[in-house]
Every structure is written in C-alpha cells, then in structure tokens.
N, C-alpha and C. Protein backbone atom coordinates (compact mmCIF):
# COMPACT_ATOMS: atom_id res chain seq x y z
N UNK A 1 -121.08 -76.13 -102.38
CA UNK A 1 -120.52 -77.18 -103.30
C UNK A 1 -121.50 -78.41 -103.41
N UNK A 2 -121.59 -78.88 -104.65
CA UNK A 2 -122.48 -80.00 -104.92
C UNK A 2 -121.96 -81.28 -104.20
N UNK A 3 -122.80 -82.17 -103.95
CA UNK A 3 -122.41 -83.42 -103.31
C UNK A 3 -121.63 -84.27 -104.22
N UNK A 4 -120.52 -84.76 -103.75
CA UNK A 4 -119.66 -85.59 -104.62
C UNK A 4 -119.96 -87.07 -104.52
N UNK A 5 -119.86 -87.72 -105.72
CA UNK A 5 -120.07 -89.17 -105.69
C UNK A 5 -118.86 -89.88 -105.21
N UNK A 6 -118.89 -91.17 -105.03
CA UNK A 6 -117.79 -91.98 -104.60
C UNK A 6 -116.68 -91.94 -105.59
N UNK A 7 -117.05 -91.99 -106.89
CA UNK A 7 -116.18 -91.91 -107.94
C UNK A 7 -115.54 -90.57 -108.00
N UNK A 8 -116.16 -89.45 -107.83
CA UNK A 8 -115.53 -88.12 -107.76
C UNK A 8 -114.45 -88.14 -106.68
N UNK A 9 -114.80 -88.61 -105.59
CA UNK A 9 -113.89 -88.67 -104.41
C UNK A 9 -112.68 -89.49 -104.70
N UNK A 10 -112.91 -90.65 -105.37
CA UNK A 10 -111.74 -91.46 -105.82
C UNK A 10 -110.80 -90.80 -106.77
N UNK A 11 -111.32 -90.05 -107.77
CA UNK A 11 -110.60 -89.29 -108.75
C UNK A 11 -109.80 -88.24 -107.95
N UNK A 12 -110.49 -87.48 -107.20
CA UNK A 12 -109.75 -86.44 -106.47
C UNK A 12 -108.76 -87.00 -105.54
N UNK A 13 -108.91 -87.97 -104.82
CA UNK A 13 -107.94 -88.66 -104.03
C UNK A 13 -106.66 -89.06 -104.88
N UNK A 14 -106.93 -89.56 -106.08
CA UNK A 14 -105.75 -89.87 -106.91
C UNK A 14 -105.07 -88.66 -107.40
N UNK A 15 -105.74 -87.59 -107.63
CA UNK A 15 -105.08 -86.27 -108.05
C UNK A 15 -104.25 -85.77 -106.89
N UNK A 16 -104.82 -85.81 -105.67
CA UNK A 16 -104.13 -85.37 -104.55
C UNK A 16 -102.79 -86.07 -104.32
N UNK A 17 -102.96 -87.46 -104.40
CA UNK A 17 -101.69 -88.25 -104.33
C UNK A 17 -100.72 -87.98 -105.31
N UNK A 18 -101.15 -87.71 -106.60
CA UNK A 18 -100.28 -87.36 -107.58
C UNK A 18 -99.53 -86.07 -107.37
N UNK A 19 -100.33 -85.01 -106.87
CA UNK A 19 -99.66 -83.74 -106.53
C UNK A 19 -98.70 -83.82 -105.47
N UNK A 20 -99.04 -84.68 -104.51
CA UNK A 20 -98.15 -84.82 -103.29
C UNK A 20 -96.82 -85.52 -103.75
N UNK A 21 -97.02 -86.48 -104.63
CA UNK A 21 -95.73 -87.25 -105.00
C UNK A 21 -94.93 -86.39 -105.98
N UNK A 22 -95.56 -85.58 -106.81
CA UNK A 22 -94.81 -84.70 -107.69
C UNK A 22 -93.99 -83.59 -106.86
N UNK A 23 -94.69 -83.15 -105.88
CA UNK A 23 -94.05 -82.10 -105.00
C UNK A 23 -92.83 -82.80 -104.27
N UNK A 24 -92.99 -83.91 -103.84
CA UNK A 24 -91.85 -84.52 -103.08
C UNK A 24 -90.74 -84.87 -104.04
N UNK A 25 -91.05 -85.30 -105.30
CA UNK A 25 -89.95 -85.60 -106.27
C UNK A 25 -89.26 -84.19 -106.62
N UNK A 26 -89.95 -83.25 -106.88
CA UNK A 26 -89.41 -81.94 -107.27
C UNK A 26 -88.51 -81.44 -106.21
N UNK A 27 -88.99 -81.58 -104.95
CA UNK A 27 -88.14 -81.09 -103.77
C UNK A 27 -86.84 -81.93 -103.73
N UNK A 28 -86.93 -83.24 -104.00
CA UNK A 28 -85.81 -84.06 -103.91
C UNK A 28 -84.87 -83.64 -105.00
N UNK A 29 -85.33 -83.43 -106.27
CA UNK A 29 -84.46 -83.05 -107.30
C UNK A 29 -83.85 -81.66 -107.08
N UNK A 30 -84.59 -80.73 -106.43
CA UNK A 30 -84.05 -79.40 -106.21
C UNK A 30 -82.84 -79.48 -105.22
N UNK A 31 -82.95 -80.46 -104.29
CA UNK A 31 -81.89 -80.66 -103.28
C UNK A 31 -80.65 -81.34 -103.87
N UNK A 32 -80.93 -82.17 -105.05
CA UNK A 32 -79.77 -83.00 -105.53
C UNK A 32 -79.17 -82.39 -106.76
N UNK A 33 -79.75 -81.58 -107.43
CA UNK A 33 -79.23 -81.01 -108.57
C UNK A 33 -78.00 -80.10 -108.31
N UNK A 34 -76.99 -80.15 -109.13
CA UNK A 34 -75.86 -79.32 -108.90
C UNK A 34 -75.92 -78.09 -109.69
N UNK A 35 -76.76 -77.98 -110.69
CA UNK A 35 -76.92 -76.79 -111.51
C UNK A 35 -77.92 -75.85 -110.62
N UNK A 36 -77.47 -74.65 -110.30
CA UNK A 36 -78.32 -73.83 -109.39
C UNK A 36 -79.52 -73.42 -110.08
N UNK A 37 -79.59 -73.14 -111.37
CA UNK A 37 -80.66 -72.70 -112.11
C UNK A 37 -81.71 -73.80 -112.24
N UNK A 38 -81.26 -75.00 -112.50
CA UNK A 38 -82.18 -76.13 -112.47
C UNK A 38 -82.84 -76.49 -111.10
N UNK A 39 -82.05 -76.35 -110.14
CA UNK A 39 -82.42 -76.58 -108.79
C UNK A 39 -83.53 -75.61 -108.26
N UNK A 40 -83.23 -74.27 -108.66
CA UNK A 40 -84.28 -73.37 -108.38
C UNK A 40 -85.52 -73.56 -109.17
N UNK A 41 -85.47 -73.88 -110.45
CA UNK A 41 -86.66 -74.19 -111.12
C UNK A 41 -87.41 -75.37 -110.53
N UNK A 42 -86.69 -76.50 -110.12
CA UNK A 42 -87.34 -77.59 -109.35
C UNK A 42 -88.05 -77.17 -108.10
N UNK A 43 -87.47 -76.27 -107.41
CA UNK A 43 -87.98 -75.65 -106.19
C UNK A 43 -89.34 -74.99 -106.47
N UNK A 44 -89.37 -74.16 -107.61
CA UNK A 44 -90.57 -73.50 -108.02
C UNK A 44 -91.65 -74.54 -108.40
N UNK A 45 -91.18 -75.50 -109.06
CA UNK A 45 -92.22 -76.55 -109.49
C UNK A 45 -92.81 -77.23 -108.23
N UNK A 46 -91.91 -77.56 -107.21
CA UNK A 46 -92.34 -78.17 -106.05
C UNK A 46 -93.45 -77.25 -105.32
N UNK A 47 -93.13 -75.92 -105.30
CA UNK A 47 -94.05 -74.98 -104.75
C UNK A 47 -95.37 -75.00 -105.40
N UNK A 48 -95.40 -75.04 -106.71
CA UNK A 48 -96.59 -74.99 -107.47
C UNK A 48 -97.47 -76.32 -107.23
N UNK A 49 -96.81 -77.46 -107.17
CA UNK A 49 -97.55 -78.69 -106.76
C UNK A 49 -98.20 -78.53 -105.39
N UNK A 50 -97.25 -78.03 -104.48
CA UNK A 50 -97.85 -77.97 -103.08
C UNK A 50 -99.11 -76.98 -102.97
N UNK A 51 -98.94 -75.89 -103.82
CA UNK A 51 -100.17 -74.89 -103.75
C UNK A 51 -101.40 -75.67 -104.36
N UNK A 52 -101.25 -76.39 -105.52
CA UNK A 52 -102.43 -77.11 -106.00
C UNK A 52 -102.95 -78.12 -105.08
N UNK A 53 -102.09 -78.86 -104.31
CA UNK A 53 -102.49 -79.83 -103.29
C UNK A 53 -103.31 -79.14 -102.23
N UNK A 54 -102.74 -78.08 -101.75
CA UNK A 54 -103.46 -77.36 -100.63
C UNK A 54 -104.83 -76.73 -101.09
N UNK A 55 -104.85 -76.23 -102.35
CA UNK A 55 -106.01 -75.72 -102.93
C UNK A 55 -107.24 -76.85 -103.00
N UNK A 56 -106.79 -77.96 -103.55
CA UNK A 56 -107.76 -79.01 -103.68
C UNK A 56 -108.14 -79.57 -102.30
N UNK A 57 -107.16 -79.72 -101.44
CA UNK A 57 -107.51 -80.20 -100.16
C UNK A 57 -108.48 -79.36 -99.32
N UNK A 58 -108.20 -78.01 -99.49
CA UNK A 58 -109.12 -77.07 -98.81
C UNK A 58 -110.47 -77.07 -99.42
N UNK A 59 -110.54 -77.19 -100.74
CA UNK A 59 -111.79 -77.21 -101.45
C UNK A 59 -112.64 -78.45 -100.96
N UNK A 60 -112.05 -79.45 -100.72
CA UNK A 60 -112.63 -80.68 -100.19
C UNK A 60 -113.15 -80.63 -98.72
N UNK A 61 -112.73 -79.59 -98.08
CA UNK A 61 -113.14 -79.32 -96.70
C UNK A 61 -111.98 -79.75 -95.74
N UNK A 62 -110.85 -80.01 -96.22
CA UNK A 62 -109.69 -80.31 -95.40
C UNK A 62 -109.17 -79.11 -94.66
N UNK A 63 -108.55 -79.26 -93.53
CA UNK A 63 -108.05 -78.16 -92.76
C UNK A 63 -106.53 -78.16 -92.91
N UNK A 64 -105.96 -76.97 -93.12
CA UNK A 64 -104.50 -76.79 -93.27
C UNK A 64 -103.94 -76.05 -92.11
C-alpha cells in the first residue's frame, strides 16, 4: 500500500466514524421499528455498514 498523507488519514478517519455511526443508528432503528420487514431491512443495512467499517479498518492495518 502506498504511504498515506495526514490528509488521507483524516478523511479515512471521518469515513470510519461515519460508517460506525450509521451502523449504530441502523441497529437502533432495527430494534425499535414495529414493522418486521423494515426492522429486517435496517438490520441488513447495519450489517453492510459494519462490513464496510471492518474492510476499511483492516485495509489500514487495524486488527479485528
């Protein structure tokens, strides 16, 4: 992997934070929604955000 600049790391940190927050919100919504289909969809959205977070974090050399 090429060396990242401070600006690159800042942007990636912001993206990771956004993915983490979106995952948490989607999980919260999936647990609060009374419509089962919508709750399931929010659960799938939360999993997708979690997968992107993990992929980015691993790419940056983080350990899971």
